[in-house]
Amino acid sequence: MSENTATVTRVAPVSRAVLRRIEPGNMAVCVHCEQQVKFAARLHKLQVIANVYVDGRWNRVEHFHDECYEQADTPYGPADSSNTTSSRRA
């Protein structure tokens, strides 16, 4: 028998945000302005989705309009846009 010598590195979970396209049927409400984050076919708008951790445990997901996230002073740090196919508005 061989021993499994693979080591798993644990990383402390921290709240983080990502930038994503708003998809059809989205029913999320922006936590900053309290308005629905609505899909608009021709506008290709973006939203920020944040996984929020409290005391090292996942607590909730928060949604923001991308402009509201900026107005809220990016509470979960810069939003990761690496998996966003659409370019962010200036």
PDB file of N, CA and C in Angstrom:
ATOM      1  N   MET A   1       0.837  -1.190   0.000  1.00  0.00           N
ATOM      2  CA  MET A   1       0.000   0.000   0.000  1.00  0.00           C
ATOM      3  C   MET A   1       0.878   1.248   0.000  1.00  0.00           C
ATOM      4  N   SER A   2       0.461   2.247  -0.751  1.00  0.00           N
ATOM      5  CA  SER A   2       1.224   3.495  -0.753  1.00  0.00           C
ATOM      6  C   SER A   2       0.474   4.545   0.051  1.00  0.00           C
ATOM      7  N   GLU A   3       1.234   5.384   0.697  1.00  0.00           N
ATOM      8  CA  GLU A   3       0.620   6.461   1.483  1.00  0.00           C
ATOM      9  C   GLU A   3       0.293   7.635   0.589  1.00  0.00           C
ATOM     10  N   ASN A   4      -0.806   8.286   0.860  1.00  0.00           N
ATOM     11  CA  ASN A   4      -1.166   9.501   0.133  1.00  0.00           C
ATOM     12  C   ASN A   4      -0.418  10.654   0.784  1.00  0.00           C
ATOM     13  N   THR A   5       0.522  11.226   0.063  1.00  0.00           N
ATOM     14  CA  THR A   5       1.341  12.293   0.620  1.00  0.00           C
ATOM     15  C   THR A   5       0.891  13.675   0.173  1.00  0.00           C
ATOM     16  N   ALA A   6      -0.238  13.754  -0.508  1.00  0.00           N
ATOM     17  CA  ALA A   6      -0.745  15.054  -0.961  1.00  0.00           C
ATOM     18  C   ALA A   6      -1.124  15.899   0.254  1.00  0.00           C
ATOM     19  N   THR A   7      -0.761  17.148   0.198  1.00  0.00           N
ATOM     20  CA  THR A   7      -1.057  18.072   1.280  1.00  0.00           C
ATOM     21  C   THR A   7      -2.089  19.082   0.811  1.00  0.00           C
ATOM     22  N   VAL A   8      -3.069  19.298   1.621  1.00  0.00           N
ATOM     23  CA  VAL A   8      -4.103  20.279   1.305  1.00  0.00           C
ATOM     24  C   VAL A   8      -3.788  21.555   2.071  1.00  0.00           C
ATOM     25  N   THR A   9      -3.704  22.647   1.339  1.00  0.00           N
ATOM     26  CA  THR A   9      -3.456  23.938   1.974  1.00  0.00           C
ATOM     27  C   THR A   9      -4.787  24.632   2.187  1.00  0.00           C
ATOM     28  N   ARG A  10      -5.076  24.939   3.406  1.00  0.00           N
ATOM     29  CA  ARG A  10      -6.323  25.631   3.707  1.00  0.00           C
ATOM     30  C   ARG A  10      -6.092  27.130   3.697  1.00  0.00           C
ATOM     31  N   VAL A  11      -7.008  27.823   3.071  1.00  0.00           N
ATOM     32  CA  VAL A  11      -6.934  29.277   3.001  1.00  0.00           C
ATOM     33  C   VAL A  11      -8.122  29.831   3.774  1.00  0.00           C
ATOM     34  N   ALA A  12      -7.864  30.789   4.631  1.00  0.00           N
ATOM     35  CA  ALA A  12      -8.954  31.378   5.409  1.00  0.00           C
ATOM     36  C   ALA A  12      -9.933  32.060   4.454  1.00  0.00           C
ATOM     37  N   PRO A  13     -11.200  31.690   4.519  1.00  0.00           N
ATOM     38  CA  PRO A  13     -12.178  32.315   3.630  1.00  0.00           C
ATOM     39  C   PRO A  13     -12.374  33.786   3.987  1.00  0.00           C
ATOM     40  N   VAL A  14     -12.344  34.613   2.982  1.00  0.00           N
ATOM     41  CA  VAL A  14     -12.566  36.045   3.175  1.00  0.00           C
ATOM     42  C   VAL A  14     -13.621  36.510   2.187  1.00  0.00           C
ATOM     43  N   SER A  15     -14.327  37.547   2.543  1.00  0.00           N
ATOM     44  CA  SER A  15     -15.342  38.095   1.659  1.00  0.00           C
ATOM     45  C   SER A  15     -14.657  38.607   0.393  1.00  0.00           C
ATOM     46  N   ARG A  16     -15.295  38.371  -0.744  1.00  0.00           N
ATOM     47  CA  ARG A  16     -14.728  38.780  -2.008  1.00  0.00           C
ATOM     48  C   ARG A  16     -15.844  39.061  -3.005  1.00  0.00           C
ATOM     49  N   ALA A  17     -15.505  39.809  -4.036  1.00  0.00           N
ATOM     50  CA  ALA A  17     -16.505  40.210  -5.019  1.00  0.00           C
ATOM     51  C   ALA A  17     -16.038  39.885  -6.433  1.00  0.00           C
ATOM     52  N   VAL A  18     -16.994  39.569  -7.301  1.00  0.00           N
ATOM     53  CA  VAL A  18     -16.702  39.314  -8.706  1.00  0.00           C
ATOM     54  C   VAL A  18     -17.662  40.122  -9.567  1.00  0.00           C
ATOM     55  N   LEU A  19     -17.213  40.472 -10.752  1.00  0.00           N
ATOM     56  CA  LEU A  19     -18.017  41.212 -11.713  1.00  0.00           C
ATOM     57  C   LEU A  19     -18.560  40.224 -12.726  1.00  0.00           C
ATOM     58  N   ARG A  20     -19.872  40.234 -12.941  1.00  0.00           N
ATOM     59  CA  ARG A  20     -20.508  39.304 -13.870  1.00  0.00           C
ATOM     60  C   ARG A  20     -21.584  40.023 -14.680  1.00  0.00           C
ATOM     61  N   ARG A  21     -21.883  39.448 -15.849  1.00  0.00           N
ATOM     62  CA  ARG A  21     -22.995  39.959 -16.652  1.00  0.00           C
ATOM     63  C   ARG A  21     -24.301  39.656 -15.930  1.00  0.00           C
ATOM     64  N   ILE A  22     -25.264  40.527 -16.092  1.00  0.00           N
ATOM     65  CA  ILE A  22     -26.598  40.280 -15.529  1.00  0.00           C
ATOM     66  C   ILE A  22     -27.312  39.339 -16.489  1.00  0.00           C
ATOM     67  N   GLU A  23     -27.790  38.240 -15.982  1.00  0.00           N
ATOM     68  CA  GLU A  23     -28.440  37.225 -16.807  1.00  0.00           C
ATOM     69  C   GLU A  23     -29.954  37.422 -16.825  1.00  0.00           C
ATOM     70  N   PRO A  24     -30.624  36.968 -17.905  1.00  0.00           N
ATOM     71  CA  PRO A  24     -32.089  37.044 -17.957  1.00  0.00           C
ATOM     72  C   PRO A  24     -32.705  36.291 -16.782  1.00  0.00           C
ATOM     73  N   GLY A  25     -33.770  36.835 -16.238  1.00  0.00           N
ATOM     74  CA  GLY A  25     -34.456  36.192 -15.123  1.00  0.00           C
ATOM     75  C   GLY A  25     -33.864  36.513 -13.766  1.00  0.00           C
ATOM     76  N   ASN A  26     -32.846  37.337 -13.727  1.00  0.00           N
ATOM     77  CA  ASN A  26     -32.216  37.703 -12.451  1.00  0.00           C
ATOM     78  C   ASN A  26     -33.236  38.406 -11.550  1.00  0.00           C
ATOM     79  N   MET A  27     -33.350  37.966 -10.320  1.00  0.00           N
ATOM     80  CA  MET A  27     -34.303  38.552  -9.375  1.00  0.00           C
ATOM     81  C   MET A  27     -33.597  39.191  -8.181  1.00  0.00           C
ATOM     82  N   ALA A  28     -32.289  39.369  -8.277  1.00  0.00           N
ATOM     83  CA  ALA A  28     -31.514  39.926  -7.167  1.00  0.00           C
ATOM     84  C   ALA A  28     -31.848  41.390  -6.936  1.00  0.00           C
ATOM     85  N   VAL A  29     -31.656  41.833  -5.698  1.00  0.00           N
ATOM     86  CA  VAL A  29     -31.868  43.225  -5.314  1.00  0.00           C
ATOM     87  C   VAL A  29     -30.534  43.790  -4.850  1.00  0.00           C
ATOM     88  N   CYS A  30     -30.193  44.960  -5.356  1.00  0.00           N
ATOM     89  CA  CYS A  30     -28.947  45.620  -4.993  1.00  0.00           C
ATOM     90  C   CYS A  30     -29.002  46.040  -3.523  1.00  0.00           C
ATOM     91  N   VAL A  31     -27.995  45.647  -2.736  1.00  0.00           N
ATOM     92  CA  VAL A  31     -27.993  45.992  -1.317  1.00  0.00           C
ATOM     93  C   VAL A  31     -27.669  47.463  -1.080  1.00  0.00           C
ATOM     94  N   HIS A  32     -27.141  48.141  -2.092  1.00  0.00           N
ATOM     95  CA  HIS A  32     -26.811  49.561  -1.935  1.00  0.00           C
ATOM     96  C   HIS A  32     -28.019  50.463  -2.201  1.00  0.00           C
ATOM     97  N   CYS A  33     -28.670  50.285  -3.357  1.00  0.00           N
ATOM     98  CA  CYS A  33     -29.799  51.165  -3.718  1.00  0.00           C
ATOM     99  C   CYS A  33     -31.162  50.522  -3.486  1.00  0.00           C
ATOM    100  N   GLU A  34     -31.169  49.215  -3.167  1.00  0.00           N
ATOM    101  CA  GLU A  34     -32.393  48.452  -2.898  1.00  0.00           C
ATOM    102  C   GLU A  34     -33.326  48.332  -4.104  1.00  0.00           C
ATOM    103  N   GLN A  35     -32.767  48.460  -5.317  1.00  0.00           N
ATOM    104  CA  GLN A  35     -33.533  48.270  -6.551  1.00  0.00           C
ATOM    105  C   GLN A  35     -33.123  46.946  -7.179  1.00  0.00           C
ATOM    106  N   GLN A  36     -34.033  46.372  -7.986  1.00  0.00           N
ATOM    107  CA  GLN A  36     -33.729  45.099  -8.633  1.00  0.00           C
ATOM    108  C   GLN A  36     -32.572  45.263  -9.620  1.00  0.00           C
ATOM    109  N   VAL A  37     -31.711  44.268  -9.646  1.00  0.00           N
ATOM    110  CA  VAL A  37     -30.616  44.218 -10.614  1.00  0.00           C
ATOM    111  C   VAL A  37     -31.208  43.582 -11.863  1.00  0.00           C
ATOM    112  N   LYS A  38     -31.629  44.406 -12.821  1.00  0.00           N
ATOM    113  CA  LYS A  38     -32.408  43.936 -13.966  1.00  0.00           C
ATOM    114  C   LYS A  38     -31.556  43.680 -15.200  1.00  0.00           C
ATOM    115  N   PHE A  39     -31.947  42.639 -15.921  1.00  0.00           N
ATOM    116  CA  PHE A  39     -31.351  42.316 -17.211  1.00  0.00           C
ATOM    117  C   PHE A  39     -31.916  43.262 -18.261  1.00  0.00           C
ATOM    118  N   ALA A  40     -31.069  43.752 -19.143  1.00  0.00           N
ATOM    119  CA  ALA A  40     -31.490  44.565 -20.281  1.00  0.00           C
ATOM    120  C   ALA A  40     -30.708  44.075 -21.491  1.00  0.00           C
ATOM    121  N   ALA A  41     -31.397  43.452 -22.452  1.00  0.00           N
ATOM    122  CA  ALA A  41     -30.752  42.750 -23.559  1.00  0.00           C
ATOM    123  C   ALA A  41     -29.736  43.589 -24.328  1.00  0.00           C
ATOM    124  N   ARG A  42     -30.047  44.789 -24.651  1.00  0.00           N
ATOM    125  CA  ARG A  42     -29.166  45.595 -25.491  1.00  0.00           C
ATOM    126  C   ARG A  42     -28.087  46.347 -24.708  1.00  0.00           C
ATOM    127  N   LEU A  43     -28.221  46.433 -23.417  1.00  0.00           N
ATOM    128  CA  LEU A  43     -27.281  47.219 -22.627  1.00  0.00           C
ATOM    129  C   LEU A  43     -26.092  46.423 -22.099  1.00  0.00           C
ATOM    130  N   HIS A  44     -26.230  45.115 -21.986  1.00  0.00           N
ATOM    131  CA  HIS A  44     -25.155  44.260 -21.474  1.00  0.00           C
ATOM    132  C   HIS A  44     -24.595  44.788 -20.151  1.00  0.00           C
ATOM    133  N   LYS A  45     -25.488  45.094 -19.225  1.00  0.00           N
ATOM    134  CA  LYS A  45     -25.068  45.632 -17.931  1.00  0.00           C
ATOM    135  C   LYS A  45     -24.400  44.558 -17.083  1.00  0.00           C
ATOM    136  N   LEU A  46     -23.626  45.040 -16.112  1.00  0.00           N
ATOM    137  CA  LEU A  46     -22.873  44.157 -15.229  1.00  0.00           C
ATOM    138  C   LEU A  46     -23.332  44.321 -13.786  1.00  0.00           C
ATOM    139  N   GLN A  47     -23.094  43.298 -13.003  1.00  0.00           N
ATOM    140  CA  GLN A  47     -23.391  43.342 -11.574  1.00  0.00           C
ATOM    141  C   GLN A  47     -22.175  42.851 -10.801  1.00  0.00           C
ATOM    142  N   VAL A  48     -22.114  43.204  -9.542  1.00  0.00           N
ATOM    143  CA  VAL A  48     -21.085  42.687  -8.651  1.00  0.00           C
ATOM    144  C   VAL A  48     -21.778  41.731  -7.694  1.00  0.00           C
ATOM    145  N   ILE A  49     -21.212  40.540  -7.585  1.00  0.00           N
ATOM    146  CA  ILE A  49     -21.731  39.527  -6.669  1.00  0.00           C
ATOM    147  C   ILE A  49     -20.653  39.291  -5.623  1.00  0.00           C
ATOM    148  N   ALA A  50     -21.031  39.408  -4.353  1.00  0.00           N
ATOM    149  CA  ALA A  50     -20.058  39.246  -3.268  1.00  0.00           C
ATOM    150  C   ALA A  50     -20.443  38.081  -2.376  1.00  0.00           C
ATOM    151  N   ASN A  51     -19.495  37.180  -2.139  1.00  0.00           N
ATOM    152  CA  ASN A  51     -19.642  36.143  -1.127  1.00  0.00           C
ATOM    153  C   ASN A  51     -19.154  36.752   0.172  1.00  0.00           C
ATOM    154  N   VAL A  52     -20.013  36.769   1.174  1.00  0.00           N
ATOM    155  CA  VAL A  52     -19.676  37.421   2.441  1.00  0.00           C
ATOM    156  C   VAL A  52     -19.459  36.350   3.516  1.00  0.00           C
ATOM    157  N   TYR A  53     -18.283  36.421   4.144  1.00  0.00           N
ATOM    158  CA  TYR A  53     -17.925  35.512   5.222  1.00  0.00           C
ATOM    159  C   TYR A  53     -17.912  36.279   6.535  1.00  0.00           C
ATOM    160  N   VAL A  54     -18.432  35.647   7.590  1.00  0.00           N
ATOM    161  CA  VAL A  54     -18.424  36.229   8.931  1.00  0.00           C
ATOM    162  C   VAL A  54     -17.754  35.218   9.854  1.00  0.00           C
ATOM    163  N   ASP A  55     -16.722  35.653  10.562  1.00  0.00           N
ATOM    164  CA  ASP A  55     -15.962  34.773  11.457  1.00  0.00           C
ATOM    165  C   ASP A  55     -15.471  33.515  10.744  1.00  0.00           C
ATOM    166  N   GLY A  56     -15.024  33.676   9.495  1.00  0.00           N
ATOM    167  CA  GLY A  56     -14.467  32.562   8.747  1.00  0.00           C
ATOM    168  C   GLY A  56     -15.470  31.592   8.159  1.00  0.00           C
ATOM    169  N   ARG A  57     -16.757  31.913   8.260  1.00  0.00           N
ATOM    170  CA  ARG A  57     -17.800  31.042   7.702  1.00  0.00           C
ATOM    171  C   ARG A  57     -18.633  31.819   6.705  1.00  0.00           C
ATOM    172  N   TRP A  58     -18.998  31.118   5.597  1.00  0.00           N
ATOM    173  CA  TRP A  58     -19.849  31.753   4.602  1.00  0.00           C
ATOM    174  C   TRP A  58     -21.150  32.160   5.259  1.00  0.00           C
ATOM    175  N   ASN A  59     -21.602  33.409   4.987  1.00  0.00           N
ATOM    176  CA  ASN A  59     -22.809  33.932   5.611  1.00  0.00           C
ATOM    177  C   ASN A  59     -23.893  34.249   4.592  1.00  0.00           C
ATOM    178  N   ARG A  60     -23.509  34.878   3.467  1.00  0.00           N
ATOM    179  CA  ARG A  60     -24.533  35.297   2.506  1.00  0.00           C
ATOM    180  C   ARG A  60     -23.875  35.747   1.201  1.00  0.00           C
ATOM    181  N   VAL A  61     -24.734  35.976   0.210  1.00  0.00           N
ATOM    182  CA  VAL A  61     -24.323  36.559  -1.060  1.00  0.00           C
ATOM    183  C   VAL A  61     -25.002  37.917  -1.164  1.00  0.00           C
ATOM    184  N   GLU A  62     -24.256  38.926  -1.570  1.00  0.00           N
ATOM    185  CA  GLU A  62     -24.827  40.259  -1.792  1.00  0.00           C
ATOM    186  C   GLU A  62     -24.641  40.630  -3.256  1.00  0.00           C
ATOM    187  N   HIS A  63     -25.662  41.263  -3.823  1.00  0.00           N
ATOM    188  CA  HIS A  63     -25.630  41.707  -5.212  1.00  0.00           C
ATOM    189  C   HIS A  63     -25.622  43.229  -5.251  1.00  0.00           C
ATOM    190  N   PHE A  64     -24.899  43.777  -6.213  1.00  0.00           N
ATOM    191  CA  PHE A  64     -24.821  45.218  -6.424  1.00  0.00           C
ATOM    192  C   PHE A  64     -24.895  45.505  -7.924  1.00  0.00           C
ATOM    193  N   HIS A  65     -25.486  46.644  -8.311  1.00  0.00           N
ATOM    194  CA  HIS A  65     -25.247  47.162  -9.652  1.00  0.00           C
ATOM    195  C   HIS A  65     -23.765  47.523  -9.667  1.00  0.00           C
ATOM    196  N   ASP A  66     -23.086  47.388 -10.807  1.00  0.00           N
ATOM    197  CA  ASP A  66     -21.647  47.673 -10.788  1.00  0.00           C
ATOM    198  C   ASP A  66     -21.351  49.102 -10.353  1.00  0.00           C
ATOM    199  N   GLU A  67     -22.191  50.060 -10.760  1.00  0.00           N
ATOM    200  CA  GLU A  67     -21.965  51.453 -10.345  1.00  0.00           C
ATOM    201  C   GLU A  67     -22.257  51.660  -8.852  1.00  0.00           C
ATOM    202  N   CYS A  68     -23.208  50.910  -8.304  1.00  0.00           N
ATOM    203  CA  CYS A  68     -23.515  51.014  -6.873  1.00  0.00           C
ATOM    204  C   CYS A  68     -22.371  50.465  -6.026  1.00  0.00           C
ATOM    205  N   TYR A  69     -21.693  49.429  -6.526  1.00  0.00           N
ATOM    206  CA  TYR A  69     -20.566  48.868  -5.786  1.00  0.00           C
ATOM    207  C   TYR A  69     -19.470  49.917  -5.640  1.00  0.00           C
ATOM    208  N   GLU A  70     -19.236  50.669  -6.694  1.00  0.00           N
ATOM    209  CA  GLU A  70     -18.249  51.754  -6.639  1.00  0.00           C
ATOM    210  C   GLU A  70     -18.707  52.847  -5.669  1.00  0.00           C
ATOM    211  N   GLN A  71     -19.997  53.206  -5.728  1.00  0.00           N
ATOM    212  CA  GLN A  71     -20.542  54.237  -4.826  1.00  0.00           C
ATOM    213  C   GLN A  71     -20.453  53.801  -3.364  1.00  0.00           C
ATOM    214  N   ALA A  72     -20.537  52.509  -3.128  1.00  0.00           N
ATOM    215  CA  ALA A  72     -20.463  51.973  -1.762  1.00  0.00           C
ATOM    216  C   ALA A  72     -19.007  51.815  -1.304  1.00  0.00           C
ATOM    217  N   ASP A  73     -18.065  52.330  -2.087  1.00  0.00           N
ATOM    218  CA  ASP A  73     -16.626  52.263  -1.766  1.00  0.00           C
ATOM    219  C   ASP A  73     -16.087  50.835  -1.736  1.00  0.00           C
ATOM    220  N   THR A  74     -16.507  50.028  -2.683  1.00  0.00           N
ATOM    221  CA  THR A  74     -16.041  48.641  -2.854  1.00  0.00           C
ATOM    222  C   THR A  74     -15.847  47.915  -1.511  1.00  0.00           C
ATOM    223  N   PRO A  75     -16.955  47.644  -0.803  1.00  0.00           N
ATOM    224  CA  PRO A  75     -16.867  47.083   0.553  1.00  0.00           C
ATOM    225  C   PRO A  75     -16.141  45.743   0.660  1.00  0.00           C
ATOM    226  N   TYR A  76     -16.040  44.975  -0.429  1.00  0.00           N
ATOM    227  CA  TYR A  76     -15.370  43.678  -0.383  1.00  0.00           C
ATOM    228  C   TYR A  76     -14.138  43.659  -1.286  1.00  0.00           C
ATOM    229  N   GLY A  77     -13.556  44.827  -1.477  1.00  0.00           N
ATOM    230  CA  GLY A  77     -12.357  44.953  -2.296  1.00  0.00           C
ATOM    231  C   GLY A  77     -12.689  45.058  -3.765  1.00  0.00           C
ATOM    232  N   PRO A  78     -11.669  45.210  -4.592  1.00  0.00           N
ATOM    233  CA  PRO A  78     -11.904  45.317  -6.031  1.00  0.00           C
ATOM    234  C   PRO A  78     -12.599  44.063  -6.556  1.00  0.00           C
ATOM    235  N   ALA A  79     -13.592  44.250  -7.404  1.00  0.00           N
ATOM    236  CA  ALA A  79     -14.320  43.110  -7.963  1.00  0.00           C
ATOM    237  C   ALA A  79     -13.470  42.439  -9.039  1.00  0.00           C
ATOM    238  N   ASP A  80     -13.321  41.136  -8.934  1.00  0.00           N
ATOM    239  CA  ASP A  80     -12.559  40.357  -9.900  1.00  0.00           C
ATOM    240  C   ASP A  80     -13.345  40.268 -11.199  1.00  0.00           C
ATOM    241  N   SER A  81     -12.763  40.754 -12.277  1.00  0.00           N
ATOM    242  CA  SER A  81     -13.443  40.732 -13.570  1.00  0.00           C
ATOM    243  C   SER A  81     -12.794  39.743 -14.533  1.00  0.00           C
ATOM    244  N   SER A  82     -11.970  38.847 -14.044  1.00  0.00           N
ATOM    245  CA  SER A  82     -11.231  37.941 -14.914  1.00  0.00           C
ATOM    246  C   SER A  82     -12.116  36.967 -15.702  1.00  0.00           C
ATOM    247  N   ASN A  83     -13.307  36.668 -15.229  1.00  0.00           N
ATOM    248  CA  ASN A  83     -14.201  35.767 -15.946  1.00  0.00           C
ATOM    249  C   ASN A  83     -15.370  36.490 -16.592  1.00  0.00           C
ATOM    250  N   THR A  84     -15.224  37.788 -16.804  1.00  0.00           N
ATOM    251  CA  THR A  84     -16.288  38.566 -17.430  1.00  0.00           C
ATOM    252  C   THR A  84     -15.942  38.728 -18.904  1.00  0.00           C
ATOM    253  N   THR A  85     -16.809  38.257 -19.783  1.00  0.00           N
ATOM    254  CA  THR A  85     -16.528  38.351 -21.213  1.00  0.00           C
ATOM    255  C   THR A  85     -16.832  39.717 -21.766  1.00  0.00           C
ATOM    256  N   SER A  86     -17.716  40.433 -21.125  1.00  0.00           N
ATOM    257  CA  SER A  86     -18.080  41.764 -21.585  1.00  0.00           C
ATOM    258  C   SER A  86     -17.189  42.783 -20.903  1.00  0.00           C
ATOM    259  N   SER A  87     -16.765  43.818 -21.618  1.00  0.00           N
ATOM    260  CA  SER A  87     -15.908  44.826 -20.992  1.00  0.00           C
ATOM    261  C   SER A  87     -16.718  45.757 -20.120  1.00  0.00           C
ATOM    262  N   ARG A  88     -16.109  46.204 -19.053  1.00  0.00           N
ATOM    263  CA  ARG A  88     -16.762  47.097 -18.102  1.00  0.00           C
ATOM    264  C   ARG A  88     -16.869  48.500 -18.679  1.00  0.00           C
ATOM    265  N   ARG A  89     -17.991  49.149 -18.375  1.00  0.00           N
ATOM    266  CA  ARG A  89     -18.182  50.525 -18.827  1.00  0.00           C
ATOM    267  C   ARG A  89     -17.192  51.445 -18.149  1.00  0.00           C
ATOM    268  N   ALA A  90     -16.839  52.516 -18.832  1.00  0.00           N
ATOM    269  CA  ALA A  90     -15.917  53.508 -18.242  1.00  0.00           C
ATOM    270  C   ALA A  90     -16.658  54.443 -17.323  1.00  0.00           C
TER     271      ALA A  90
END
